[in-house]
């Protein structure tokens, strides 16, 4: 289904408020694809019900499906323009890292580093592609002497959240910040006293709003294979800032652990 042609063909039948939604979708579809329903309603000064009715007139099940189709059509348009070659991929990754770096507050990073130091248990939650970043974060923090575990199964996340307490730090990684199972697990962990750090692409997402500290990983949400790795790279960049900063600040505690880990790895390689 092509949503843009559908919007244009039905435009005369829309109400005045619905035409405001249609105009924004046609002119700023890529921006709309990143917005929550409440944020779009506030931006256009229309009711959420108006946006829902607009989607229904397009024979869509809801707002999320509208976002999906607009994002998909934007990707197809970029492909037709010849994007996605080697240089484009490289520049996309570099650009994502630079934008992520610009948005990363050193004060927030410092607070997260201290939270890592004082936490007895560190849990990294992520699903889908974000699970890759969570797993890499586990390796880096474990090598630095922290009791860390990456959990990428939603059922295990919920079970582990039920055992959280004030000495637990949860680092939740999610591009959209709206993954229902992840949000439920983080909410439970927070109810049980855990501190929450989120790495997400949207500052106004549900996950970000319920977190103690938030870092924004810049990257466009895509529904095809193109661009997936660039989003993960932004997440890994932030995790690297955190772990590198932790090692630098608490070097006296970290170095002896790293030396023992390195020695064990050397012995294993020499076997």
C-alpha atoms as a PDB file:
ATOM      1  CA  UNK A   1       0.000   0.000   0.000  1.00  0.00           C
ATOM      2  CA  UNK A   2       1.267   3.456  -0.951  1.00  0.00           C
ATOM      3  CA  UNK A   3       0.095   5.928   1.691  1.00  0.00           C
ATOM      4  CA  UNK A   4       1.197   9.186   0.033  1.00  0.00           C
ATOM      5  CA  UNK A   5      -0.890   8.690  -3.143  1.00  0.00           C
ATOM      6  CA  UNK A   6      -3.788   7.608  -0.924  1.00  0.00           C
ATOM      7  CA  UNK A   7      -3.556  10.817   1.108  1.00  0.00           C
ATOM      8  CA  UNK A   8      -3.500  12.922  -2.046  1.00  0.00           C
ATOM      9  CA  UNK A   9      -6.511  11.165  -3.558  1.00  0.00           C
ATOM     10  CA  UNK A  10      -8.605  11.466  -0.380  1.00  0.00           C
ATOM     11  CA  UNK A  11      -7.497  15.002   0.449  1.00  0.00           C
ATOM     12  CA  UNK A  12     -10.788  16.681  -0.659  1.00  0.00           C
ATOM     13  CA  UNK A  13     -12.777  14.456   1.710  1.00  0.00           C
ATOM     14  CA  UNK A  14     -10.747  15.375   4.808  1.00  0.00           C
ATOM     15  CA  UNK A  15     -12.021  17.817   7.407  1.00  0.00           C
ATOM     16  CA  UNK A  16     -10.074  21.006   8.131  1.00  0.00           C
ATOM     17  CA  UNK A  17      -8.251  19.386  11.049  1.00  0.00           C
ATOM     18  CA  UNK A  18      -7.565  16.207   9.088  1.00  0.00           C
ATOM     19  CA  UNK A  19      -6.075  18.307   6.272  1.00  0.00           C
ATOM     20  CA  UNK A  20      -3.581  19.706   8.776  1.00  0.00           C
ATOM     21  CA  UNK A  21      -2.494  16.134   9.496  1.00  0.00           C
ATOM     22  CA  UNK A  22      -2.408  15.335   5.770  1.00  0.00           C
ATOM     23  CA  UNK A  23      -0.293  18.413   4.976  1.00  0.00           C
ATOM     24  CA  UNK A  24       2.230  17.507   7.659  1.00  0.00           C
ATOM     25  CA  UNK A  25       2.377  13.880   6.487  1.00  0.00           C
ATOM     26  CA  UNK A  26       2.981  14.948   2.875  1.00  0.00           C
ATOM     27  CA  UNK A  27       5.551  17.643   3.655  1.00  0.00           C
ATOM     28  CA  UNK A  28       7.299  16.145   6.680  1.00  0.00           C
ATOM     29  CA  UNK A  29       6.650  12.401   6.474  1.00  0.00           C
ATOM     30  CA  UNK A  30      10.141  11.527   7.699  1.00  0.00           C
ATOM     31  CA  UNK A  31       9.661  13.712  10.767  1.00  0.00           C
ATOM     32  CA  UNK A  32       6.201  12.324  11.474  1.00  0.00           C
ATOM     33  CA  UNK A  33       7.626   8.792  11.438  1.00  0.00           C
ATOM     34  CA  UNK A  34       9.684   9.698  14.528  1.00  0.00           C
ATOM     35  CA  UNK A  35       6.874  11.328  16.525  1.00  0.00           C
ATOM     36  CA  UNK A  36       4.560   9.870  19.135  1.00  0.00           C
ATOM     37  CA  UNK A  37       0.841  10.365  18.646  1.00  0.00           C
ATOM     38  CA  UNK A  38       0.632  12.816  21.525  1.00  0.00           C
ATOM     39  CA  UNK A  39       3.581  14.830  20.212  1.00  0.00           C
ATOM     40  CA  UNK A  40       2.046  15.157  16.734  1.00  0.00           C
ATOM     41  CA  UNK A  41      -1.322  16.184  18.166  1.00  0.00           C
ATOM     42  CA  UNK A  42       0.353  18.856  20.276  1.00  0.00           C
ATOM     43  CA  UNK A  43       2.485  20.078  17.378  1.00  0.00           C
ATOM     44  CA  UNK A  44      -0.521  20.462  15.065  1.00  0.00           C
ATOM     45  CA  UNK A  45      -2.875  21.595  17.826  1.00  0.00           C
ATOM     46  CA  UNK A  46      -5.421  18.928  16.950  1.00  0.00           C
ATOM     47  CA  UNK A  47      -6.950  16.125  19.002  1.00  0.00           C
ATOM     48  CA  UNK A  48      -5.462  12.648  19.022  1.00  0.00           C
ATOM     49  CA  UNK A  49      -8.859  11.394  17.889  1.00  0.00           C
ATOM     50  CA  UNK A  50      -8.513  13.497  14.730  1.00  0.00           C
ATOM     51  CA  UNK A  51      -5.268  11.733  13.841  1.00  0.00           C
ATOM     52  CA  UNK A  52      -6.820   8.334  14.525  1.00  0.00           C
ATOM     53  CA  UNK A  53      -9.790   9.156  12.264  1.00  0.00           C
ATOM     54  CA  UNK A  54      -7.361  10.326   9.590  1.00  0.00           C
ATOM     55  CA  UNK A  55      -5.607   6.939   9.735  1.00  0.00           C
ATOM     56  CA  UNK A  56      -8.914   5.097   9.572  1.00  0.00           C
ATOM     57  CA  UNK A  57      -9.909   6.996   6.429  1.00  0.00           C
ATOM     58  CA  UNK A  58      -6.704   5.642   4.868  1.00  0.00           C
ATOM     59  CA  UNK A  59      -7.791   2.106   5.818  1.00  0.00           C
ATOM     60  CA  UNK A  60      -4.956   1.850   8.331  1.00  0.00           C
ATOM     61  CA  UNK A  61      -5.251   0.082  11.653  1.00  0.00           C
ATOM     62  CA  UNK A  62      -3.789   3.032  13.521  1.00  0.00           C
ATOM     63  CA  UNK A  63      -1.099   5.670  13.861  1.00  0.00           C
ATOM     64  CA  UNK A  64       1.770   3.184  14.105  1.00  0.00           C
ATOM     65  CA  UNK A  65       0.855   1.760  10.711  1.00  0.00           C
ATOM     66  CA  UNK A  66       0.845   5.274   9.228  1.00  0.00           C
ATOM     67  CA  UNK A  67       4.362   5.827  10.588  1.00  0.00           C
ATOM     68  CA  UNK A  68       5.472   2.471   9.191  1.00  0.00           C
ATOM     69  CA  UNK A  69       4.249   3.204   5.658  1.00  0.00           C
ATOM     70  CA  UNK A  70       5.612   6.758   5.577  1.00  0.00           C
ATOM     71  CA  UNK A  71       9.041   5.571   6.742  1.00  0.00           C
ATOM     72  CA  UNK A  72       9.041   2.728   4.225  1.00  0.00           C
ATOM     73  CA  UNK A  73       8.112   5.023   1.337  1.00  0.00           C
ATOM     74  CA  UNK A  74      10.821   7.466   2.386  1.00  0.00           C
ATOM     75  CA  UNK A  75      13.385   4.651   2.260  1.00  0.00           C
ATOM     76  CA  UNK A  76      12.173   3.587  -1.187  1.00  0.00           C
ATOM     77  CA  UNK A  77      12.444   7.178  -2.401  1.00  0.00           C
ATOM     78  CA  UNK A  78      16.023   7.411  -1.155  1.00  0.00           C
ATOM     79  CA  UNK A  79      16.886   4.143  -2.915  1.00  0.00           C
ATOM     80  CA  UNK A  80      15.501   5.513  -6.179  1.00  0.00           C
ATOM     81  CA  UNK A  81      17.719   8.562  -5.773  1.00  0.00           C
ATOM     82  CA  UNK A  82      20.736   6.300  -5.745  1.00  0.00           C
ATOM     83  CA  UNK A  83      21.526   6.444  -2.046  1.00  0.00           C
ATOM     84  CA  UNK A  84      22.991   3.488  -0.223  1.00  0.00           C
ATOM     85  CA  UNK A  85      26.289   3.199  -2.099  1.00  0.00           C
ATOM     86  CA  UNK A  86      29.590   2.765  -0.286  1.00  0.00           C
ATOM     87  CA  UNK A  87      30.256   6.451   0.365  1.00  0.00           C
ATOM     88  CA  UNK A  88      26.666   7.045   1.469  1.00  0.00           C
ATOM     89  CA  UNK A  89      26.860   4.212   3.998  1.00  0.00           C
ATOM     90  CA  UNK A  90      30.131   5.560   5.377  1.00  0.00           C
ATOM     91  CA  UNK A  91      28.885   9.129   5.644  1.00  0.00           C
ATOM     92  CA  UNK A  92      25.672   7.958   7.288  1.00  0.00           C
ATOM     93  CA  UNK A  93      27.577   6.143  10.033  1.00  0.00           C
ATOM     94  CA  UNK A  94      29.988   9.037  10.563  1.00  0.00           C
ATOM     95  CA  UNK A  95      27.127  11.519  10.635  1.00  0.00           C
ATOM     96  CA  UNK A  96      25.182   9.439  13.154  1.00  0.00           C
ATOM     97  CA  UNK A  97      28.188   9.233  15.480  1.00  0.00           C
ATOM     98  CA  UNK A  98      28.901  12.962  15.225  1.00  0.00           C
ATOM     99  CA  UNK A  99      25.274  13.877  15.929  1.00  0.00           C
ATOM    100  CA  UNK A 100      25.121  11.401  18.814  1.00  0.00           C
ATOM    101  CA  UNK A 101      28.313  12.901  20.248  1.00  0.00           C
ATOM    102  CA  UNK A 102      26.912  16.440  20.000  1.00  0.00           C
ATOM    103  CA  UNK A 103      23.789  15.436  21.929  1.00  0.00           C
ATOM    104  CA  UNK A 104      25.630  13.503  24.654  1.00  0.00           C
ATOM    105  CA  UNK A 105      25.906  15.609  27.815  1.00  0.00           C
ATOM    106  CA  UNK A 106      29.159  15.089  29.672  1.00  0.00           C
ATOM    107  CA  UNK A 107      27.327  15.723  32.938  1.00  0.00           C
ATOM    108  CA  UNK A 108      24.905  12.876  32.177  1.00  0.00           C
ATOM    109  CA  UNK A 109      27.758  10.570  31.169  1.00  0.00           C
ATOM    110  CA  UNK A 110      29.545  11.424  34.419  1.00  0.00           C
ATOM    111  CA  UNK A 111      26.453  10.615  36.455  1.00  0.00           C
ATOM    112  CA  UNK A 112      26.063   7.275  34.674  1.00  0.00           C
ATOM    113  CA  UNK A 113      29.721   6.431  35.309  1.00  0.00           C
ATOM    114  CA  UNK A 114      29.231   7.032  39.037  1.00  0.00           C
ATOM    115  CA  UNK A 115      26.047   4.928  39.003  1.00  0.00           C
ATOM    116  CA  UNK A 116      28.026   2.066  37.451  1.00  0.00           C
ATOM    117  CA  UNK A 117      30.659   2.346  40.156  1.00  0.00           C
ATOM    118  CA  UNK A 118      28.185   2.164  43.041  1.00  0.00           C
ATOM    119  CA  UNK A 119      25.952  -0.550  41.542  1.00  0.00           C
ATOM    120  CA  UNK A 120      26.315  -4.122  42.786  1.00  0.00           C
ATOM    121  CA  UNK A 121      24.535  -5.561  39.740  1.00  0.00           C
ATOM    122  CA  UNK A 122      24.303  -4.130  36.241  1.00  0.00           C
ATOM    123  CA  UNK A 123      21.702  -5.425  33.806  1.00  0.00           C
ATOM    124  CA  UNK A 124      21.692  -4.481  30.135  1.00  0.00           C
ATOM    125  CA  UNK A 125      18.339  -4.925  28.403  1.00  0.00           C
ATOM    126  CA  UNK A 126      17.911  -4.914  24.637  1.00  0.00           C
ATOM    127  CA  UNK A 127      15.886  -6.745  22.002  1.00  0.00           C
ATOM    128  CA  UNK A 128      16.308  -7.056  18.248  1.00  0.00           C
ATOM    129  CA  UNK A 129      19.301  -5.143  16.912  1.00  0.00           C
ATOM    130  CA  UNK A 130      19.648  -3.343  20.259  1.00  0.00           C
ATOM    131  CA  UNK A 131      20.494  -6.726  21.792  1.00  0.00           C
ATOM    132  CA  UNK A 132      23.831  -6.555  19.951  1.00  0.00           C
ATOM    133  CA  UNK A 133      24.739  -3.341  21.750  1.00  0.00           C
ATOM    134  CA  UNK A 134      23.589  -4.736  25.102  1.00  0.00           C
ATOM    135  CA  UNK A 135      25.783  -7.816  24.655  1.00  0.00           C
ATOM    136  CA  UNK A 136      28.843  -5.716  23.792  1.00  0.00           C
ATOM    137  CA  UNK A 137      28.196  -3.508  26.807  1.00  0.00           C
ATOM    138  CA  UNK A 138      28.170  -6.591  29.021  1.00  0.00           C
ATOM    139  CA  UNK A 139      31.599  -7.667  27.761  1.00  0.00           C
ATOM    140  CA  UNK A 140      33.178  -4.249  28.301  1.00  0.00           C
ATOM    141  CA  UNK A 141      31.810  -3.726  31.796  1.00  0.00           C
ATOM    142  CA  UNK A 142      32.558  -7.303  32.871  1.00  0.00           C
ATOM    143  CA  UNK A 143      36.180  -6.881  31.790  1.00  0.00           C
ATOM    144  CA  UNK A 144      36.280  -3.764  33.953  1.00  0.00           C
ATOM    145  CA  UNK A 145      35.306  -5.671  37.069  1.00  0.00           C
ATOM    146  CA  UNK A 146      31.553  -5.111  37.272  1.00  0.00           C
ATOM    147  CA  UNK A 147      29.057  -7.908  37.816  1.00  0.00           C
ATOM    148  CA  UNK A 148      27.166  -7.465  34.570  1.00  0.00           C
ATOM    149  CA  UNK A 149      24.674  -9.402  32.490  1.00  0.00           C
ATOM    150  CA  UNK A 150      23.026  -8.660  29.155  1.00  0.00           C
ATOM    151  CA  UNK A 151      19.469  -9.997  28.932  1.00  0.00           C
ATOM    152  CA  UNK A 152      17.901 -10.053  25.479  1.00  0.00           C
ATOM    153  CA  UNK A 153      14.874 -12.268  26.088  1.00  0.00           C
ATOM    154  CA  UNK A 154      11.751 -10.391  27.196  1.00  0.00           C
ATOM    155  CA  UNK A 155      10.635 -13.116  29.610  1.00  0.00           C
ATOM    156  CA  UNK A 156      14.039 -13.248  31.285  1.00  0.00           C
ATOM    157  CA  UNK A 157      14.052  -9.444  31.515  1.00  0.00           C
ATOM    158  CA  UNK A 158      10.781  -9.505  33.415  1.00  0.00           C
ATOM    159  CA  UNK A 159      11.968 -12.261  35.749  1.00  0.00           C
ATOM    160  CA  UNK A 160      15.232 -10.480  36.463  1.00  0.00           C
ATOM    161  CA  UNK A 161      13.428  -7.180  37.067  1.00  0.00           C
ATOM    162  CA  UNK A 162      11.390  -8.884  39.777  1.00  0.00           C
ATOM    163  CA  UNK A 163      14.671  -9.448  41.679  1.00  0.00           C
ATOM    164  CA  UNK A 164      16.036  -5.922  41.319  1.00  0.00           C
ATOM    165  CA  UNK A 165      16.721  -3.632  44.267  1.00  0.00           C
ATOM    166  CA  UNK A 166      18.352  -0.289  45.049  1.00  0.00           C
ATOM    167  CA  UNK A 167      21.794  -1.740  44.309  1.00  0.00           C
ATOM    168  CA  UNK A 168      20.805  -2.647  40.728  1.00  0.00           C
ATOM    169  CA  UNK A 169      21.491  -0.520  37.672  1.00  0.00           C
ATOM    170  CA  UNK A 170      19.468  -1.262  34.531  1.00  0.00           C
ATOM    171  CA  UNK A 171      20.823   0.028  31.212  1.00  0.00           C
ATOM    172  CA  UNK A 172      18.023  -0.278  28.661  1.00  0.00           C
ATOM    173  CA  UNK A 173      18.903   0.023  24.963  1.00  0.00           C
ATOM    174  CA  UNK A 174      16.079   0.671  22.493  1.00  0.00           C
ATOM    175  CA  UNK A 175      15.924   2.622  19.238  1.00  0.00           C
ATOM    176  CA  UNK A 176      12.258   3.571  19.535  1.00  0.00           C
ATOM    177  CA  UNK A 177      11.964   3.576  23.312  1.00  0.00           C
ATOM    178  CA  UNK A 178       8.468   2.165  22.866  1.00  0.00           C
ATOM    179  CA  UNK A 179       9.003  -1.615  22.906  1.00  0.00           C
ATOM    180  CA  UNK A 180       6.182  -2.773  25.169  1.00  0.00           C
ATOM    181  CA  UNK A 181       7.861  -5.788  26.776  1.00  0.00           C
ATOM    182  CA  UNK A 182      11.036  -3.815  27.470  1.00  0.00           C
ATOM    183  CA  UNK A 183       9.096  -0.926  29.018  1.00  0.00           C
ATOM    184  CA  UNK A 184       7.165  -3.314  31.284  1.00  0.00           C
ATOM    185  CA  UNK A 185      10.413  -4.890  32.503  1.00  0.00           C
ATOM    186  CA  UNK A 186      12.059  -1.533  33.126  1.00  0.00           C
ATOM    187  CA  UNK A 187       8.978  -0.285  34.954  1.00  0.00           C
ATOM    188  CA  UNK A 188       9.057  -3.314  37.259  1.00  0.00           C
ATOM    189  CA  UNK A 189      12.786  -2.871  37.899  1.00  0.00           C
ATOM    190  CA  UNK A 190      12.230   0.766  38.813  1.00  0.00           C
ATOM    191  CA  UNK A 191       9.340  -0.162  41.124  1.00  0.00           C
ATOM    192  CA  UNK A 192      11.749  -2.455  42.953  1.00  0.00           C
ATOM    193  CA  UNK A 193      14.254   0.363  43.472  1.00  0.00           C
ATOM    194  CA  UNK A 194      16.628  -0.039  40.523  1.00  0.00           C
ATOM    195  CA  UNK A 195      18.199   2.971  38.868  1.00  0.00           C
ATOM    196  CA  UNK A 196      17.551   3.161  35.125  1.00  0.00           C
ATOM    197  CA  UNK A 197      19.714   4.443  32.296  1.00  0.00           C
ATOM    198  CA  UNK A 198      18.275   4.471  28.796  1.00  0.00           C
ATOM    199  CA  UNK A 199      19.991   4.682  25.428  1.00  0.00           C
ATOM    200  CA  UNK A 200      17.285   5.488  22.909  1.00  0.00           C
ATOM    201  CA  UNK A 201      16.666   7.421  19.733  1.00  0.00           C
ATOM    202  CA  UNK A 202      13.810   9.526  21.097  1.00  0.00           C
ATOM    203  CA  UNK A 203      14.018  11.877  24.066  1.00  0.00           C
ATOM    204  CA  UNK A 204      10.232  11.959  24.447  1.00  0.00           C
ATOM    205  CA  UNK A 205       9.777   8.189  24.319  1.00  0.00           C
ATOM    206  CA  UNK A 206       8.122   6.275  27.142  1.00  0.00           C
ATOM    207  CA  UNK A 207      11.440   4.632  28.041  1.00  0.00           C
ATOM    208  CA  UNK A 208      13.245   7.967  28.249  1.00  0.00           C
ATOM    209  CA  UNK A 209      10.521   9.499  30.416  1.00  0.00           C
ATOM    210  CA  UNK A 210      10.824   6.733  33.016  1.00  0.00           C
ATOM    211  CA  UNK A 211      14.639   6.767  33.168  1.00  0.00           C
ATOM    212  CA  UNK A 212      16.945   8.451  35.667  1.00  0.00           C
ATOM    213  CA  UNK A 213      19.511   9.236  32.974  1.00  0.00           C
ATOM    214  CA  UNK A 214      19.014   9.367  29.197  1.00  0.00           C
ATOM    215  CA  UNK A 215      21.462   9.306  26.301  1.00  0.00           C
ATOM    216  CA  UNK A 216      20.178   9.817  22.757  1.00  0.00           C
ATOM    217  CA  UNK A 217      21.570   7.543  20.045  1.00  0.00           C
ATOM    218  CA  UNK A 218      20.954   9.293  16.764  1.00  0.00           C
ATOM    219  CA  UNK A 219      19.796   7.180  13.861  1.00  0.00           C
ATOM    220  CA  UNK A 220      16.791   6.935  11.620  1.00  0.00           C
ATOM    221  CA  UNK A 221      14.369   4.101  12.300  1.00  0.00           C
ATOM    222  CA  UNK A 222      14.297   1.894   9.191  1.00  0.00           C
ATOM    223  CA  UNK A 223      12.138  -1.076   8.223  1.00  0.00           C
ATOM    224  CA  UNK A 224      14.424  -2.552   5.572  1.00  0.00           C
ATOM    225  CA  UNK A 225      17.995  -3.777   6.036  1.00  0.00           C
ATOM    226  CA  UNK A 226      19.544  -0.469   4.998  1.00  0.00           C
ATOM    227  CA  UNK A 227      20.707   1.664   7.904  1.00  0.00           C
ATOM    228  CA  UNK A 228      20.335  -0.967  10.613  1.00  0.00           C
ATOM    229  CA  UNK A 229      24.042  -1.119  11.457  1.00  0.00           C
ATOM    230  CA  UNK A 230      24.412   2.663  11.636  1.00  0.00           C
ATOM    231  CA  UNK A 231      21.858   2.739  14.470  1.00  0.00           C
ATOM    232  CA  UNK A 232      23.719   0.011  16.359  1.00  0.00           C
ATOM    233  CA  UNK A 233      26.988   1.916  15.865  1.00  0.00           C
ATOM    234  CA  UNK A 234      25.472   4.975  17.592  1.00  0.00           C
ATOM    235  CA  UNK A 235      24.445   2.809  20.537  1.00  0.00           C
ATOM    236  CA  UNK A 236      27.902   1.217  20.722  1.00  0.00           C
ATOM    237  CA  UNK A 237      29.529   4.649  20.585  1.00  0.00           C
ATOM    238  CA  UNK A 238      27.605   5.772  23.674  1.00  0.00           C
ATOM    239  CA  UNK A 239      28.380   2.555  25.515  1.00  0.00           C
ATOM    240  CA  UNK A 240      32.049   3.030  24.638  1.00  0.00           C
ATOM    241  CA  UNK A 241      31.965   6.573  26.039  1.00  0.00           C
ATOM    242  CA  UNK A 242      30.475   5.238  29.251  1.00  0.00           C
ATOM    243  CA  UNK A 243      32.822   2.275  29.690  1.00  0.00           C
ATOM    244  CA  UNK A 244      35.942   4.220  28.673  1.00  0.00           C
ATOM    245  CA  UNK A 245      34.990   7.002  31.051  1.00  0.00           C
ATOM    246  CA  UNK A 246      34.455   4.487  33.841  1.00  0.00           C
ATOM    247  CA  UNK A 247      37.889   2.957  33.300  1.00  0.00           C
ATOM    248  CA  UNK A 248      39.549   6.374  33.228  1.00  0.00           C
ATOM    249  CA  UNK A 249      37.852   7.650  36.409  1.00  0.00           C
ATOM    250  CA  UNK A 250      38.169   4.496  38.481  1.00  0.00           C
ATOM    251  CA  UNK A 251      41.472   3.276  37.109  1.00  0.00           C
ATOM    252  CA  UNK A 252      42.823   2.122  40.474  1.00  0.00           C
ATOM    253  CA  UNK A 253      39.922  -0.312  40.839  1.00  0.00           C
ATOM    254  CA  UNK A 254      39.698  -1.354  37.208  1.00  0.00           C
ATOM    255  CA  UNK A 255      43.318  -1.987  36.186  1.00  0.00           C
ATOM    256  CA  UNK A 256      43.976  -4.943  38.553  1.00  0.00           C
ATOM    257  CA  UNK A 257      40.819  -6.650  37.286  1.00  0.00           C
ATOM    258  CA  UNK A 258      41.728  -6.015  33.653  1.00  0.00           C
ATOM    259  CA  UNK A 259      45.192  -7.458  34.248  1.00  0.00           C
ATOM    260  CA  UNK A 260      43.720 -10.662  35.698  1.00  0.00           C
ATOM    261  CA  UNK A 261      41.268 -10.974  32.809  1.00  0.00           C
ATOM    262  CA  UNK A 262      44.047 -10.364  30.287  1.00  0.00           C
ATOM    263  CA  UNK A 263      46.298 -12.954  31.942  1.00  0.00           C
ATOM    264  CA  UNK A 264      43.574 -15.585  31.818  1.00  0.00           C
ATOM    265  CA  UNK A 265      42.983 -14.862  28.129  1.00  0.00           C
ATOM    266  CA  UNK A 266      46.692 -15.105  27.333  1.00  0.00           C
ATOM    267  CA  UNK A 267      46.937 -18.483  29.067  1.00  0.00           C
ATOM    268  CA  UNK A 268      43.927 -19.698  27.109  1.00  0.00           C
ATOM    269  CA  UNK A 269      45.443 -18.598  23.799  1.00  0.00           C
ATOM    270  CA  UNK A 270      48.713 -20.337  24.609  1.00  0.00           C
ATOM    271  CA  UNK A 271      47.082 -23.679  25.353  1.00  0.00           C
END
